[in-house]
C-alpha atoms as a PDB file:
ATOM      1  CA  UNK A   1      -0.035 -28.102   6.484  1.00  0.00           C
ATOM      2  CA  UNK A   2      -2.857 -26.547   4.437  1.00  0.00           C
ATOM      3  CA  UNK A   3      -1.284 -24.271   1.832  1.00  0.00           C
ATOM      4  CA  UNK A   4      -3.169 -21.482   0.067  1.00  0.00           C
ATOM      5  CA  UNK A   5      -1.138 -20.333  -2.931  1.00  0.00           C
ATOM      6  CA  UNK A   6      -1.621 -16.825  -4.316  1.00  0.00           C
ATOM      7  CA  UNK A   7      -1.167 -16.838  -8.086  1.00  0.00           C
ATOM      8  CA  UNK A   8      -1.283 -14.313 -10.889  1.00  0.00           C
ATOM      9  CA  UNK A   9      -3.385 -15.545 -13.797  1.00  0.00           C
ATOM     10  CA  UNK A  10      -3.697 -19.197 -14.827  1.00  0.00           C
ATOM     11  CA  UNK A  11      -0.136 -20.011 -15.873  1.00  0.00           C
ATOM     12  CA  UNK A  12       1.278 -21.545 -12.683  1.00  0.00           C
ATOM     13  CA  UNK A  13      -1.946 -23.114 -11.374  1.00  0.00           C
ATOM     14  CA  UNK A  14      -1.540 -26.644 -12.867  1.00  0.00           C
ATOM     15  CA  UNK A  15       2.039 -26.763 -11.557  1.00  0.00           C
ATOM     16  CA  UNK A  16       0.963 -25.520  -8.105  1.00  0.00           C
ATOM     17  CA  UNK A  17      -1.804 -28.125  -7.902  1.00  0.00           C
ATOM     18  CA  UNK A  18       0.600 -30.908  -8.879  1.00  0.00           C
ATOM     19  CA  UNK A  19       3.044 -29.673  -6.242  1.00  0.00           C
ATOM     20  CA  UNK A  20       0.441 -29.896  -3.491  1.00  0.00           C
ATOM     21  CA  UNK A  21      -1.468 -26.605  -3.304  1.00  0.00           C
ATOM     22  CA  UNK A  22      -4.576 -27.084  -1.141  1.00  0.00           C
ATOM     23  CA  UNK A  23      -6.329 -23.869  -2.191  1.00  0.00           C
ATOM     24  CA  UNK A  24      -5.684 -21.203  -4.845  1.00  0.00           C
ATOM     25  CA  UNK A  25      -6.142 -17.452  -4.483  1.00  0.00           C
ATOM     26  CA  UNK A  26      -6.487 -16.036  -7.997  1.00  0.00           C
ATOM     27  CA  UNK A  27      -5.298 -12.488  -8.662  1.00  0.00           C
ATOM     28  CA  UNK A  28      -4.194 -10.217 -11.411  1.00  0.00           C
ATOM     29  CA  UNK A  29      -1.271  -7.835 -10.880  1.00  0.00           C
ATOM     30  CA  UNK A  30       0.383  -9.241  -7.743  1.00  0.00           C
ATOM     31  CA  UNK A  31       2.954  -6.440  -7.992  1.00  0.00           C
ATOM     32  CA  UNK A  32       0.359  -4.123  -6.401  1.00  0.00           C
ATOM     33  CA  UNK A  33      -0.872  -6.762  -3.970  1.00  0.00           C
ATOM     34  CA  UNK A  34      -3.382  -8.391  -6.309  1.00  0.00           C
ATOM     35  CA  UNK A  35      -6.419  -7.125  -8.197  1.00  0.00           C
ATOM     36  CA  UNK A  36      -9.507  -8.784  -9.694  1.00  0.00           C
ATOM     37  CA  UNK A  37      -8.625 -11.247 -12.481  1.00  0.00           C
ATOM     38  CA  UNK A  38     -10.302 -11.034 -15.880  1.00  0.00           C
ATOM     39  CA  UNK A  39     -13.516 -12.951 -16.494  1.00  0.00           C
ATOM     40  CA  UNK A  40     -11.808 -15.194 -19.063  1.00  0.00           C
ATOM     41  CA  UNK A  41      -9.025 -16.183 -16.662  1.00  0.00           C
ATOM     42  CA  UNK A  42     -11.564 -16.709 -13.890  1.00  0.00           C
ATOM     43  CA  UNK A  43     -13.760 -18.961 -16.063  1.00  0.00           C
ATOM     44  CA  UNK A  44     -10.891 -21.252 -17.066  1.00  0.00           C
ATOM     45  CA  UNK A  45      -9.446 -21.348 -13.538  1.00  0.00           C
ATOM     46  CA  UNK A  46     -12.807 -22.176 -11.983  1.00  0.00           C
ATOM     47  CA  UNK A  47     -13.418 -24.976 -14.473  1.00  0.00           C
ATOM     48  CA  UNK A  48      -9.915 -26.441 -13.995  1.00  0.00           C
ATOM     49  CA  UNK A  49      -9.960 -26.319 -10.189  1.00  0.00           C
ATOM     50  CA  UNK A  50     -13.480 -27.709  -9.916  1.00  0.00           C
ATOM     51  CA  UNK A  51     -12.307 -30.736 -11.901  1.00  0.00           C
ATOM     52  CA  UNK A  52      -9.406 -31.122  -9.442  1.00  0.00           C
ATOM     53  CA  UNK A  53     -11.597 -30.487  -6.341  1.00  0.00           C
ATOM     54  CA  UNK A  54      -9.312 -27.628  -5.273  1.00  0.00           C
ATOM     55  CA  UNK A  55     -11.083 -24.619  -3.680  1.00  0.00           C
ATOM     56  CA  UNK A  56     -10.700 -21.236  -5.373  1.00  0.00           C
ATOM     57  CA  UNK A  57     -10.556 -17.815  -3.738  1.00  0.00           C
ATOM     58  CA  UNK A  58     -11.009 -14.850  -6.086  1.00  0.00           C
ATOM     59  CA  UNK A  59      -9.482 -11.487  -5.246  1.00  0.00           C
ATOM     60  CA  UNK A  60     -12.088  -8.721  -5.572  1.00  0.00           C
ATOM     61  CA  UNK A  61     -10.138  -5.484  -5.821  1.00  0.00           C
ATOM     62  CA  UNK A  62     -10.666  -3.037  -8.695  1.00  0.00           C
ATOM     63  CA  UNK A  63      -7.246  -1.356  -8.415  1.00  0.00           C
ATOM     64  CA  UNK A  64      -4.027  -1.172  -6.444  1.00  0.00           C
ATOM     65  CA  UNK A  65      -3.487   1.435  -3.777  1.00  0.00           C
ATOM     66  CA  UNK A  66      -5.622   1.989  -0.699  1.00  0.00           C
ATOM     67  CA  UNK A  67      -8.859   0.249   0.266  1.00  0.00           C
ATOM     68  CA  UNK A  68     -11.063   3.352   0.329  1.00  0.00           C
ATOM     69  CA  UNK A  69     -13.598   2.875  -2.454  1.00  0.00           C
ATOM     70  CA  UNK A  70     -16.111   5.232  -4.037  1.00  0.00           C
ATOM     71  CA  UNK A  71     -19.612   4.236  -5.141  1.00  0.00           C
ATOM     72  CA  UNK A  72     -18.551   3.449  -8.714  1.00  0.00           C
ATOM     73  CA  UNK A  73     -15.737   1.159  -7.543  1.00  0.00           C
ATOM     74  CA  UNK A  74     -18.125  -0.620  -5.155  1.00  0.00           C
ATOM     75  CA  UNK A  75     -20.531  -1.122  -8.054  1.00  0.00           C
ATOM     76  CA  UNK A  76     -17.711  -2.772 -10.054  1.00  0.00           C
ATOM     77  CA  UNK A  77     -16.818  -5.015  -7.097  1.00  0.00           C
ATOM     78  CA  UNK A  78     -20.462  -5.986  -6.685  1.00  0.00           C
ATOM     79  CA  UNK A  79     -20.661  -6.947 -10.385  1.00  0.00           C
ATOM     80  CA  UNK A  80     -17.498  -9.052 -10.000  1.00  0.00           C
ATOM     81  CA  UNK A  81     -19.023 -10.805  -6.979  1.00  0.00           C
ATOM     82  CA  UNK A  82     -22.177 -11.666  -8.911  1.00  0.00           C
ATOM     83  CA  UNK A  83     -20.015 -13.093 -11.723  1.00  0.00           C
ATOM     84  CA  UNK A  84     -18.079 -15.194  -9.176  1.00  0.00           C
ATOM     85  CA  UNK A  85     -21.386 -16.505  -7.827  1.00  0.00           C
ATOM     86  CA  UNK A  86     -22.526 -17.523 -11.293  1.00  0.00           C
ATOM     87  CA  UNK A  87     -19.300 -19.432 -11.950  1.00  0.00           C
ATOM     88  CA  UNK A  88     -19.414 -21.271  -8.621  1.00  0.00           C
ATOM     89  CA  UNK A  89     -16.308 -19.678  -7.089  1.00  0.00           C
ATOM     90  CA  UNK A  90     -15.770 -21.053  -3.559  1.00  0.00           C
ATOM     91  CA  UNK A  91     -14.591 -17.895  -1.806  1.00  0.00           C
ATOM     92  CA  UNK A  92     -13.960 -14.202  -2.416  1.00  0.00           C
ATOM     93  CA  UNK A  93     -11.402 -11.889  -0.796  1.00  0.00           C
ATOM     94  CA  UNK A  94     -12.076  -8.184  -0.316  1.00  0.00           C
ATOM     95  CA  UNK A  95     -11.826  -5.365   2.181  1.00  0.00           C
ATOM     96  CA  UNK A  96     -13.120  -1.790   2.380  1.00  0.00           C
ATOM     97  CA  UNK A  97     -11.902   0.882   4.798  1.00  0.00           C
ATOM     98  CA  UNK A  98     -12.687   4.486   5.665  1.00  0.00           C
ATOM     99  CA  UNK A  99     -10.118   7.253   5.240  1.00  0.00           C
ATOM    100  CA  UNK A 100      -9.335   6.950   8.976  1.00  0.00           C
ATOM    101  CA  UNK A 101      -8.533   3.233   8.650  1.00  0.00           C
ATOM    102  CA  UNK A 102     -11.686   1.763  10.143  1.00  0.00           C
ATOM    103  CA  UNK A 103     -13.977  -0.763   8.481  1.00  0.00           C
ATOM    104  CA  UNK A 104     -16.245   0.892   5.937  1.00  0.00           C
ATOM    105  CA  UNK A 105     -19.273  -0.880   7.348  1.00  0.00           C
ATOM    106  CA  UNK A 106     -21.733   0.299   4.687  1.00  0.00           C
ATOM    107  CA  UNK A 107     -19.438  -0.812   1.863  1.00  0.00           C
ATOM    108  CA  UNK A 108     -18.687  -4.095   3.596  1.00  0.00           C
ATOM    109  CA  UNK A 109     -22.391  -4.845   4.107  1.00  0.00           C
ATOM    110  CA  UNK A 110     -23.010  -4.197   0.409  1.00  0.00           C
ATOM    111  CA  UNK A 111     -20.177  -6.518  -0.638  1.00  0.00           C
ATOM    112  CA  UNK A 112     -21.125  -9.217   1.875  1.00  0.00           C
ATOM    113  CA  UNK A 113     -24.708  -9.179   0.582  1.00  0.00           C
ATOM    114  CA  UNK A 114     -23.399  -9.723  -2.965  1.00  0.00           C
ATOM    115  CA  UNK A 115     -21.301 -12.702  -1.785  1.00  0.00           C
ATOM    116  CA  UNK A 116     -24.182 -14.979  -0.868  1.00  0.00           C
ATOM    117  CA  UNK A 117     -23.241 -18.655  -1.040  1.00  0.00           C
ATOM    118  CA  UNK A 118     -19.479 -18.033  -1.065  1.00  0.00           C
ATOM    119  CA  UNK A 119     -16.960 -17.931   1.756  1.00  0.00           C
ATOM    120  CA  UNK A 120     -15.728 -14.417   2.556  1.00  0.00           C
ATOM    121  CA  UNK A 121     -12.129 -13.497   3.296  1.00  0.00           C
ATOM    122  CA  UNK A 122     -11.208 -10.075   4.665  1.00  0.00           C
ATOM    123  CA  UNK A 123      -7.821  -9.639   2.997  1.00  0.00           C
ATOM    124  CA  UNK A 124      -4.707  -7.722   4.066  1.00  0.00           C
ATOM    125  CA  UNK A 125      -6.629  -4.458   4.219  1.00  0.00           C
ATOM    126  CA  UNK A 126      -6.829  -5.695   7.820  1.00  0.00           C
ATOM    127  CA  UNK A 127      -3.204  -4.646   8.291  1.00  0.00           C
ATOM    128  CA  UNK A 128      -4.115  -1.039   7.356  1.00  0.00           C
ATOM    129  CA  UNK A 129      -6.471  -0.850  10.345  1.00  0.00           C
ATOM    130  CA  UNK A 130      -4.734   0.783  13.357  1.00  0.00           C
ATOM    131  CA  UNK A 131      -3.777  -1.865  15.919  1.00  0.00           C
ATOM    132  CA  UNK A 132      -6.020  -0.377  18.607  1.00  0.00           C
ATOM    133  CA  UNK A 133      -9.043  -0.712  16.302  1.00  0.00           C
ATOM    134  CA  UNK A 134      -8.365  -4.249  15.073  1.00  0.00           C
ATOM    135  CA  UNK A 135     -10.218  -6.037  17.886  1.00  0.00           C
ATOM    136  CA  UNK A 136     -13.383  -4.045  17.129  1.00  0.00           C
ATOM    137  CA  UNK A 137     -12.934  -4.939  13.446  1.00  0.00           C
ATOM    138  CA  UNK A 138     -12.634  -8.643  14.310  1.00  0.00           C
ATOM    139  CA  UNK A 139     -15.854  -8.464  16.352  1.00  0.00           C
ATOM    140  CA  UNK A 140     -17.705  -6.808  13.455  1.00  0.00           C
ATOM    141  CA  UNK A 141     -16.423  -9.349  10.910  1.00  0.00           C
ATOM    142  CA  UNK A 142     -17.470 -12.219  13.196  1.00  0.00           C
ATOM    143  CA  UNK A 143     -20.962 -10.707  13.609  1.00  0.00           C
ATOM    144  CA  UNK A 144     -21.293 -10.479   9.813  1.00  0.00           C
ATOM    145  CA  UNK A 145     -20.265 -14.110   9.203  1.00  0.00           C
ATOM    146  CA  UNK A 146     -16.954 -13.381   7.486  1.00  0.00           C
ATOM    147  CA  UNK A 147     -15.009 -16.656   7.351  1.00  0.00           C
ATOM    148  CA  UNK A 148     -11.404 -15.596   7.708  1.00  0.00           C
ATOM    149  CA  UNK A 149      -8.932 -12.761   7.951  1.00  0.00           C
ATOM    150  CA  UNK A 150      -5.735 -12.727   5.889  1.00  0.00           C
ATOM    151  CA  UNK A 151      -2.999 -10.875   7.750  1.00  0.00           C
ATOM    152  CA  UNK A 152       0.728 -10.208   7.728  1.00  0.00           C
ATOM    153  CA  UNK A 153       0.547  -8.722  11.205  1.00  0.00           C
ATOM    154  CA  UNK A 154       1.856  -5.355  10.010  1.00  0.00           C
ATOM    155  CA  UNK A 155       3.121  -3.525   6.908  1.00  0.00           C
ATOM    156  CA  UNK A 156       4.346  -5.907   4.209  1.00  0.00           C
ATOM    157  CA  UNK A 157       7.801  -4.308   4.187  1.00  0.00           C
ATOM    158  CA  UNK A 158       8.365  -5.685   7.698  1.00  0.00           C
ATOM    159  CA  UNK A 159       9.636  -9.290   7.845  1.00  0.00           C
ATOM    160  CA  UNK A 160       6.947 -11.680   9.067  1.00  0.00           C
ATOM    161  CA  UNK A 161       9.272 -12.925  11.824  1.00  0.00           C
ATOM    162  CA  UNK A 162       8.957  -9.438  13.361  1.00  0.00           C
ATOM    163  CA  UNK A 163       5.147  -9.455  13.196  1.00  0.00           C
ATOM    164  CA  UNK A 164       4.546 -12.921  14.681  1.00  0.00           C
ATOM    165  CA  UNK A 165       3.680 -11.567  18.132  1.00  0.00           C
ATOM    166  CA  UNK A 166       0.980  -9.361  16.683  1.00  0.00           C
ATOM    167  CA  UNK A 167      -0.416 -12.234  14.595  1.00  0.00           C
ATOM    168  CA  UNK A 168      -0.485 -14.334  17.788  1.00  0.00           C
ATOM    169  CA  UNK A 169      -2.492 -11.578  19.489  1.00  0.00           C
ATOM    170  CA  UNK A 170      -4.935 -11.520  16.563  1.00  0.00           C
ATOM    171  CA  UNK A 171      -5.360 -15.314  16.686  1.00  0.00           C
ATOM    172  CA  UNK A 172      -5.835 -15.214  20.464  1.00  0.00           C
ATOM    173  CA  UNK A 173      -8.482 -12.493  20.273  1.00  0.00           C
ATOM    174  CA  UNK A 174     -10.285 -14.203  17.383  1.00  0.00           C
ATOM    175  CA  UNK A 175     -10.467 -17.263  19.661  1.00  0.00           C
ATOM    176  CA  UNK A 176     -11.784 -19.598  16.969  1.00  0.00           C
ATOM    177  CA  UNK A 177     -14.696 -17.297  16.095  1.00  0.00           C
ATOM    178  CA  UNK A 178     -13.083 -16.505  12.742  1.00  0.00           C
ATOM    179  CA  UNK A 179     -10.085 -18.097  11.029  1.00  0.00           C
ATOM    180  CA  UNK A 180      -6.866 -16.075  10.936  1.00  0.00           C
ATOM    181  CA  UNK A 181      -4.683 -16.883   7.927  1.00  0.00           C
ATOM    182  CA  UNK A 182      -1.065 -15.638   8.147  1.00  0.00           C
ATOM    183  CA  UNK A 183       0.583 -14.590   4.898  1.00  0.00           C
ATOM    184  CA  UNK A 184       3.048 -12.246   3.258  1.00  0.00           C
ATOM    185  CA  UNK A 185       6.650 -13.419   3.280  1.00  0.00           C
ATOM    186  CA  UNK A 186       5.740 -17.020   4.126  1.00  0.00           C
ATOM    187  CA  UNK A 187       7.736 -19.369   1.879  1.00  0.00           C
ATOM    188  CA  UNK A 188       8.373 -23.082   1.478  1.00  0.00           C
ATOM    189  CA  UNK A 189      11.641 -22.448   3.329  1.00  0.00           C
ATOM    190  CA  UNK A 190      10.161 -20.862   6.478  1.00  0.00           C
ATOM    191  CA  UNK A 191       6.567 -22.149   6.542  1.00  0.00           C
ATOM    192  CA  UNK A 192       7.121 -25.001   9.002  1.00  0.00           C
ATOM    193  CA  UNK A 193       8.874 -22.708  11.475  1.00  0.00           C
ATOM    194  CA  UNK A 194       6.153 -20.032  11.196  1.00  0.00           C
ATOM    195  CA  UNK A 195       3.326 -22.554  11.507  1.00  0.00           C
ATOM    196  CA  UNK A 196       4.971 -23.984  14.613  1.00  0.00           C
ATOM    197  CA  UNK A 197       5.537 -20.587  16.251  1.00  0.00           C
ATOM    198  CA  UNK A 198       1.941 -19.477  15.560  1.00  0.00           C
ATOM    199  CA  UNK A 199       0.419 -22.916  16.187  1.00  0.00           C
ATOM    200  CA  UNK A 200      -1.562 -22.736  12.924  1.00  0.00           C
ATOM    201  CA  UNK A 201      -2.324 -25.355  10.304  1.00  0.00           C
ATOM    202  CA  UNK A 202      -3.033 -22.994   7.365  1.00  0.00           C
ATOM    203  CA  UNK A 203      -0.726 -20.525   5.633  1.00  0.00           C
ATOM    204  CA  UNK A 204      -0.944 -18.225   2.594  1.00  0.00           C
ATOM    205  CA  UNK A 205       1.763 -17.135   0.165  1.00  0.00           C
ATOM    206  CA  UNK A 206       3.008 -16.876  -3.397  1.00  0.00           C
ATOM    207  CA  UNK A 207       6.080 -19.019  -2.626  1.00  0.00           C
ATOM    208  CA  UNK A 208       4.666 -21.575  -0.194  1.00  0.00           C
ATOM    209  CA  UNK A 209       5.456 -24.311  -2.699  1.00  0.00           C
ATOM    210  CA  UNK A 210       8.753 -24.690  -4.530  1.00  0.00           C
ATOM    211  CA  UNK A 211       7.789 -24.398  -8.191  1.00  0.00           C
ATOM    212  CA  UNK A 212      11.375 -24.228  -9.453  1.00  0.00           C
END
């Protein structure tokens, strides 16, 4: 099982790596779903994980709330992406939507262009896209060489066991063209069961490893 652990700041990273984390997603402010970490935290995390040969995903999100961004916010995200590039970050996670819940294609193209050389993850903004528009979104992300989609299969306040069928549909439609990474409510207690039901080998979560 390949386990991507979402962490807030640097504090728990050494412990997570020792406990078997295969990849780290670095955030600030997980209480709002994760925002962009500070440059200082990012520098130290990148250096530490490169020494351990553990891939790093950086969350690129200037604030909590929705995923509809104005030009100034996109400029900030672009600057954060260039900084990630300079530091040698392996992957970046972002998502931009229109007010009607479709992909903001112009914003996405701008952010993808600034991500050259890094893997790109479309994060759980995917779950804010209406179900009937998600297949079109997958096609667009595939065409623009996005590497994976992080999804809970529905709103985060719904237990992941109730969204498994929708995640299965997403995986089936993606058909290996783009990786689908289930997350949100996946823990070290239920991860084997969820992986088995979805027939996946990668999972994402804050509690995928028992750090007690």
